Amino acid sequence: MAAAKKDTVVGDGTPHGLVMELLRPLSDALLPVGNRAYGALVYANIGNASVQQFGEIRPGDIITLRNAKLQGKHGPMHA
């Protein structure tokens, strides 16, 4: 469903607005708590010092990244 919304403004144009629009037709989905917590916590990595995994990340899950630094070993992410 998110692919159908590509290149359009959804809701109020914020990431939270997109999530709310995607959750609207799902009557049994857990609603967000505030505008950063969606459903149940599945995985947490705090500064690479503390990793907690409560389940598996699956297709369709919503992720939020806070204070994240993404880095790869090769290609454009190698910076």
Protein backbone atom coordinates (compact mmCIF):
# COMPACT_ATOMS: atom_id res chain seq x y z
CA MET A 1 0.00 0.00 0.00
CA ALA A 2 2.88 2.41 0.70
CA ALA A 3 4.12 1.96 -2.88
CA ALA A 4 0.81 3.33 -4.16
CA LYS A 5 1.41 6.55 -2.18
CA LYS A 6 4.84 7.20 -3.75
CA ASP A 7 5.38 10.79 -4.98
CA THR A 8 2.21 12.06 -3.28
CA VAL A 9 1.55 14.01 -0.11
CA VAL A 10 -0.19 11.73 2.37
CA GLY A 11 -2.06 13.05 5.39
CA ASP A 12 -0.34 16.20 6.65
CA GLY A 13 2.91 15.34 4.86
CA THR A 14 4.75 14.15 7.96
CA PRO A 15 6.11 10.62 8.53
CA HIS A 16 3.48 10.19 11.27
CA GLY A 17 0.76 11.23 8.81
CA LEU A 18 1.91 8.51 6.39
CA VAL A 19 1.79 5.87 9.12
CA MET A 20 -1.68 6.95 10.24
CA GLU A 21 -2.93 6.78 6.63
CA LEU A 22 -1.48 3.28 6.19
CA LEU A 23 -3.01 2.08 9.47
CA ARG A 24 -6.48 3.53 8.76
CA PRO A 25 -7.91 0.47 6.90
CA LEU A 26 -6.43 -2.01 9.43
CA SER A 27 -8.99 -2.28 12.22
CA ASP A 28 -6.94 -4.76 14.28
CA ALA A 29 -3.60 -2.87 14.12
CA LEU A 30 -2.14 -1.47 17.33
CA LEU A 31 -2.46 2.31 17.24
CA PRO A 32 0.62 4.47 17.83
CA VAL A 33 1.57 5.85 21.21
CA GLY A 34 2.46 9.48 20.52
CA ASN A 35 4.15 9.99 17.18
CA ARG A 36 7.19 7.73 17.54
CA ALA A 37 6.03 4.42 18.99
CA TYR A 38 4.01 2.13 16.73
CA GLY A 39 2.66 -1.18 18.01
CA ALA A 40 4.91 -3.44 20.04
CA LEU A 41 8.66 -3.06 20.44
CA VAL A 42 10.42 -5.80 18.48
CA TYR A 43 14.08 -4.76 18.48
CA ALA A 44 16.15 -2.10 20.24
CA ASN A 45 19.83 -1.26 19.81
CA ILE A 46 21.07 1.43 22.15
CA GLY A 47 24.48 2.73 21.15
CA ASN A 48 25.61 -0.76 20.14
CA ALA A 49 26.07 -1.38 23.86
CA SER A 50 22.65 -2.80 24.64
CA VAL A 51 20.70 -4.91 22.14
CA GLN A 52 17.24 -6.23 22.95
CA GLN A 53 15.22 -8.44 20.63
CA PHE A 54 11.64 -9.34 21.50
CA GLY A 55 10.59 -10.80 18.15
CA GLU A 56 11.44 -10.78 14.45
CA ILE A 57 11.24 -7.75 12.17
CA ARG A 58 8.87 -8.75 9.37
CA PRO A 59 7.65 -7.27 6.09
CA GLY A 60 5.05 -4.61 6.79
CA ASP A 61 6.53 -3.62 10.15
CA ILE A 62 7.03 0.09 10.81
CA ILE A 63 10.46 1.10 12.05
CA THR A 64 11.61 4.33 13.63
CA LEU A 65 15.25 5.37 13.86
CA ARG A 66 16.39 7.97 16.34
CA ASN A 67 19.92 9.35 16.47
CA ALA A 68 20.95 6.69 13.96
CA LYS A 69 24.18 6.66 11.98
CA LEU A 70 23.91 4.34 8.99
CA GLN A 71 27.19 3.18 7.53
CA GLY A 72 28.12 0.50 5.01
CA LYS A 73 31.37 -1.18 4.02
CA HIS A 74 31.05 -0.65 0.25
CA GLY A 75 29.30 1.67 -2.17
CA PRO A 76 27.47 4.91 -1.37
CA MET A 77 26.91 3.99 2.30
CA HIS A 78 30.70 3.81 2.88
CA ALA A 79 31.05 7.29 4.33
